[in-house]
């Protein structure tokens, strides 16, 4: 009986230690991610959303200056070709202030070829957003199925 109690107590102690260690490590890990890394991850998620045709995620990761209504933005994003983006490479992420950065990327697409682009990035709440549409006026021909 005492042996089972000791084994159970030891098991609880080990489980408790693992739980505390896991929480501590995960807190340190999330705190150690820099804004620059978060922005790169946001850009990668945005490109993945484009390639998969996930309009909801495209809206989530962008602030598109061509659309005042996110529902219209979403409907237009559903019409974007999934296979246009060939490759992307983040060149730099430069801080302007705590909530504004500039993201420089090389992109290669079927429609535009190889282009180096500069995207403003802003933080809205806890979410980084890639600002798009600032250099491209709305053209319905860009959003054809």
C-alpha atoms as a PDB file:
ATOM      1  CA  UNK A   1       0.000   0.000   0.000  1.00  0.00           C
ATOM      2  CA  UNK A   2       2.779   2.432   0.992  1.00  0.00           C
ATOM      3  CA  UNK A   3       4.705   1.480  -2.128  1.00  0.00           C
ATOM      4  CA  UNK A   4       1.712   2.264  -4.395  1.00  0.00           C
ATOM      5  CA  UNK A   5       1.240   5.578  -2.586  1.00  0.00           C
ATOM      6  CA  UNK A   6       4.911   6.493  -3.073  1.00  0.00           C
ATOM      7  CA  UNK A   7       4.782   5.544  -6.768  1.00  0.00           C
ATOM      8  CA  UNK A   8       1.611   7.594  -7.258  1.00  0.00           C
ATOM      9  CA  UNK A   9       3.125  10.553  -5.403  1.00  0.00           C
ATOM     10  CA  UNK A  10       6.307  10.304  -7.464  1.00  0.00           C
ATOM     11  CA  UNK A  11       4.226  10.153 -10.655  1.00  0.00           C
ATOM     12  CA  UNK A  12       2.323  13.296  -9.649  1.00  0.00           C
ATOM     13  CA  UNK A  13       5.567  15.094  -8.829  1.00  0.00           C
ATOM     14  CA  UNK A  14       7.065  14.190 -12.210  1.00  0.00           C
ATOM     15  CA  UNK A  15       3.873  15.209 -14.037  1.00  0.00           C
ATOM     16  CA  UNK A  16       3.771  18.500 -12.145  1.00  0.00           C
ATOM     17  CA  UNK A  17       7.406  19.216 -12.938  1.00  0.00           C
ATOM     18  CA  UNK A  18       6.864  18.445 -16.622  1.00  0.00           C
ATOM     19  CA  UNK A  19       3.808  20.700 -16.734  1.00  0.00           C
ATOM     20  CA  UNK A  20       5.621  23.625 -15.116  1.00  0.00           C
ATOM     21  CA  UNK A  21       8.656  23.093 -17.358  1.00  0.00           C
ATOM     22  CA  UNK A  22       6.478  22.947 -20.473  1.00  0.00           C
ATOM     23  CA  UNK A  23       4.660  26.153 -19.554  1.00  0.00           C
ATOM     24  CA  UNK A  24       7.938  27.921 -18.756  1.00  0.00           C
ATOM     25  CA  UNK A  25       9.610  26.798 -21.989  1.00  0.00           C
ATOM     26  CA  UNK A  26       6.595  27.675 -24.148  1.00  0.00           C
ATOM     27  CA  UNK A  27       6.391  31.128 -22.538  1.00  0.00           C
ATOM     28  CA  UNK A  28      10.072  31.711 -23.228  1.00  0.00           C
ATOM     29  CA  UNK A  29       9.731  30.426 -26.785  1.00  0.00           C
ATOM     30  CA  UNK A  30       6.804  32.684 -27.657  1.00  0.00           C
ATOM     31  CA  UNK A  31       8.494  35.645 -25.995  1.00  0.00           C
ATOM     32  CA  UNK A  32      11.706  35.045 -27.938  1.00  0.00           C
ATOM     33  CA  UNK A  33      10.055  35.339 -31.359  1.00  0.00           C
ATOM     34  CA  UNK A  34      11.003  38.729 -32.726  1.00  0.00           C
ATOM     35  CA  UNK A  35       8.556  40.993 -34.560  1.00  0.00           C
ATOM     36  CA  UNK A  36      10.681  40.496 -37.673  1.00  0.00           C
ATOM     37  CA  UNK A  37      10.211  36.717 -37.443  1.00  0.00           C
ATOM     38  CA  UNK A  38       6.469  37.132 -36.807  1.00  0.00           C
ATOM     39  CA  UNK A  39       6.234  39.317 -39.918  1.00  0.00           C
ATOM     40  CA  UNK A  40       8.080  36.723 -42.016  1.00  0.00           C
ATOM     41  CA  UNK A  41       5.690  34.051 -40.702  1.00  0.00           C
ATOM     42  CA  UNK A  42       2.719  36.284 -41.550  1.00  0.00           C
ATOM     43  CA  UNK A  43       4.032  36.798 -45.084  1.00  0.00           C
ATOM     44  CA  UNK A  44       4.611  33.045 -45.515  1.00  0.00           C
ATOM     45  CA  UNK A  45       1.065  32.343 -44.273  1.00  0.00           C
ATOM     46  CA  UNK A  46      -0.301  34.949 -46.696  1.00  0.00           C
ATOM     47  CA  UNK A  47       1.551  33.367 -49.639  1.00  0.00           C
ATOM     48  CA  UNK A  48       0.330  29.904 -48.569  1.00  0.00           C
ATOM     49  CA  UNK A  49      -3.218  31.273 -48.487  1.00  0.00           C
ATOM     50  CA  UNK A  50      -2.807  32.632 -52.024  1.00  0.00           C
ATOM     51  CA  UNK A  51      -1.425  29.311 -53.299  1.00  0.00           C
ATOM     52  CA  UNK A  52      -4.245  27.325 -51.682  1.00  0.00           C
ATOM     53  CA  UNK A  53      -6.985  29.791 -52.642  1.00  0.00           C
ATOM     54  CA  UNK A  54      -7.922  30.407 -48.995  1.00  0.00           C
ATOM     55  CA  UNK A  55      -9.599  33.826 -49.261  1.00  0.00           C
ATOM     56  CA  UNK A  56     -10.408  33.985 -45.529  1.00  0.00           C
ATOM     57  CA  UNK A  57      -6.718  33.689 -44.636  1.00  0.00           C
ATOM     58  CA  UNK A  58      -5.716  36.140 -47.361  1.00  0.00           C
ATOM     59  CA  UNK A  59      -8.050  38.683 -45.735  1.00  0.00           C
ATOM     60  CA  UNK A  60      -6.754  37.760 -42.270  1.00  0.00           C
ATOM     61  CA  UNK A  61      -3.132  38.518 -43.148  1.00  0.00           C
ATOM     62  CA  UNK A  62      -3.651  41.686 -45.214  1.00  0.00           C
ATOM     63  CA  UNK A  63      -4.898  45.216 -45.103  1.00  0.00           C
ATOM     64  CA  UNK A  64      -5.938  45.766 -48.713  1.00  0.00           C
ATOM     65  CA  UNK A  65      -6.328  49.457 -49.493  1.00  0.00           C
ATOM     66  CA  UNK A  66      -8.451  48.704 -52.567  1.00  0.00           C
ATOM     67  CA  UNK A  67     -11.381  47.487 -50.485  1.00  0.00           C
ATOM     68  CA  UNK A  68     -13.309  49.227 -47.715  1.00  0.00           C
ATOM     69  CA  UNK A  69     -15.500  46.169 -47.113  1.00  0.00           C
ATOM     70  CA  UNK A  70     -13.831  42.875 -46.109  1.00  0.00           C
ATOM     71  CA  UNK A  71     -16.737  40.893 -47.585  1.00  0.00           C
ATOM     72  CA  UNK A  72     -16.077  42.402 -51.008  1.00  0.00           C
ATOM     73  CA  UNK A  73     -12.351  41.854 -50.462  1.00  0.00           C
ATOM     74  CA  UNK A  74     -13.024  38.199 -49.637  1.00  0.00           C
ATOM     75  CA  UNK A  75     -15.234  37.686 -52.700  1.00  0.00           C
ATOM     76  CA  UNK A  76     -12.565  39.187 -54.964  1.00  0.00           C
ATOM     77  CA  UNK A  77      -9.800  37.112 -53.364  1.00  0.00           C
ATOM     78  CA  UNK A  78     -11.764  33.939 -54.146  1.00  0.00           C
ATOM     79  CA  UNK A  79     -11.292  34.769 -57.831  1.00  0.00           C
ATOM     80  CA  UNK A  80      -7.499  35.079 -57.690  1.00  0.00           C
ATOM     81  CA  UNK A  81      -5.545  32.386 -59.544  1.00  0.00           C
ATOM     82  CA  UNK A  82      -3.953  29.875 -57.164  1.00  0.00           C
ATOM     83  CA  UNK A  83      -1.064  29.080 -59.463  1.00  0.00           C
ATOM     84  CA  UNK A  84       0.262  32.599 -60.203  1.00  0.00           C
ATOM     85  CA  UNK A  85       2.917  32.726 -57.452  1.00  0.00           C
ATOM     86  CA  UNK A  86       5.997  30.747 -58.452  1.00  0.00           C
ATOM     87  CA  UNK A  87       8.383  31.766 -55.676  1.00  0.00           C
ATOM     88  CA  UNK A  88       9.002  34.342 -52.961  1.00  0.00           C
ATOM     89  CA  UNK A  89      11.994  35.238 -50.843  1.00  0.00           C
ATOM     90  CA  UNK A  90      12.053  37.658 -47.923  1.00  0.00           C
ATOM     91  CA  UNK A  91      15.031  39.985 -48.347  1.00  0.00           C
ATOM     92  CA  UNK A  92      14.624  42.161 -45.267  1.00  0.00           C
ATOM     93  CA  UNK A  93      12.271  43.353 -42.552  1.00  0.00           C
ATOM     94  CA  UNK A  94      13.031  46.877 -41.354  1.00  0.00           C
ATOM     95  CA  UNK A  95      11.495  48.527 -38.322  1.00  0.00           C
ATOM     96  CA  UNK A  96       9.974  51.989 -38.618  1.00  0.00           C
ATOM     97  CA  UNK A  97       8.413  51.934 -35.138  1.00  0.00           C
ATOM     98  CA  UNK A  98       6.837  49.324 -32.834  1.00  0.00           C
ATOM     99  CA  UNK A  99       3.773  48.825 -35.065  1.00  0.00           C
ATOM    100  CA  UNK A 100       5.141  49.671 -38.533  1.00  0.00           C
ATOM    101  CA  UNK A 101       7.732  47.774 -40.568  1.00  0.00           C
ATOM    102  CA  UNK A 102       8.798  47.538 -44.199  1.00  0.00           C
ATOM    103  CA  UNK A 103       9.034  44.093 -45.773  1.00  0.00           C
ATOM    104  CA  UNK A 104      11.225  43.681 -48.851  1.00  0.00           C
ATOM    105  CA  UNK A 105      10.657  40.536 -50.929  1.00  0.00           C
ATOM    106  CA  UNK A 106      11.625  39.048 -54.256  1.00  0.00           C
ATOM    107  CA  UNK A 107       8.611  37.564 -55.987  1.00  0.00           C
ATOM    108  CA  UNK A 108       8.277  35.587 -59.160  1.00  0.00           C
ATOM    109  CA  UNK A 109       4.811  35.210 -60.634  1.00  0.00           C
ATOM    110  CA  UNK A 110       3.429  34.010 -63.936  1.00  0.00           C
ATOM    111  CA  UNK A 111       1.650  37.323 -64.492  1.00  0.00           C
ATOM    112  CA  UNK A 112       4.441  39.793 -63.587  1.00  0.00           C
ATOM    113  CA  UNK A 113       7.662  37.793 -63.757  1.00  0.00           C
ATOM    114  CA  UNK A 114      10.413  38.520 -61.245  1.00  0.00           C
ATOM    115  CA  UNK A 115       9.804  41.661 -59.178  1.00  0.00           C
ATOM    116  CA  UNK A 116      11.273  43.060 -55.987  1.00  0.00           C
ATOM    117  CA  UNK A 117       8.451  44.453 -53.838  1.00  0.00           C
ATOM    118  CA  UNK A 118       8.314  46.585 -50.732  1.00  0.00           C
ATOM    119  CA  UNK A 119       5.293  46.032 -48.483  1.00  0.00           C
ATOM    120  CA  UNK A 120       4.392  48.168 -45.497  1.00  0.00           C
ATOM    121  CA  UNK A 121       3.440  45.992 -42.527  1.00  0.00           C
ATOM    122  CA  UNK A 122       1.258  47.177 -39.656  1.00  0.00           C
ATOM    123  CA  UNK A 123       0.173  45.667 -36.376  1.00  0.00           C
ATOM    124  CA  UNK A 124      -3.576  45.666 -35.735  1.00  0.00           C
ATOM    125  CA  UNK A 125      -4.262  44.341 -32.253  1.00  0.00           C
ATOM    126  CA  UNK A 126      -2.069  41.241 -31.954  1.00  0.00           C
ATOM    127  CA  UNK A 127      -1.990  40.539 -35.706  1.00  0.00           C
ATOM    128  CA  UNK A 128       0.618  41.707 -38.203  1.00  0.00           C
ATOM    129  CA  UNK A 129      -0.912  42.631 -41.561  1.00  0.00           C
ATOM    130  CA  UNK A 130       0.755  43.012 -44.927  1.00  0.00           C
ATOM    131  CA  UNK A 131      -0.480  46.225 -46.570  1.00  0.00           C
ATOM    132  CA  UNK A 132      -1.375  45.553 -50.207  1.00  0.00           C
ATOM    133  CA  UNK A 133      -3.076  47.512 -52.957  1.00  0.00           C
ATOM    134  CA  UNK A 134      -1.264  50.783 -52.322  1.00  0.00           C
ATOM    135  CA  UNK A 135       0.390  50.677 -55.735  1.00  0.00           C
ATOM    136  CA  UNK A 136      -2.379  48.924 -57.654  1.00  0.00           C
ATOM    137  CA  UNK A 137      -5.755  50.581 -58.166  1.00  0.00           C
ATOM    138  CA  UNK A 138      -8.729  48.241 -58.115  1.00  0.00           C
ATOM    139  CA  UNK A 139      -9.206  46.594 -61.494  1.00  0.00           C
ATOM    140  CA  UNK A 140     -11.918  43.927 -61.758  1.00  0.00           C
ATOM    141  CA  UNK A 141      -9.881  42.240 -64.514  1.00  0.00           C
ATOM    142  CA  UNK A 142      -7.320  41.292 -61.850  1.00  0.00           C
ATOM    143  CA  UNK A 143      -9.994  39.284 -60.044  1.00  0.00           C
ATOM    144  CA  UNK A 144     -11.466  37.125 -62.790  1.00  0.00           C
ATOM    145  CA  UNK A 145     -12.224  33.486 -62.241  1.00  0.00           C
END
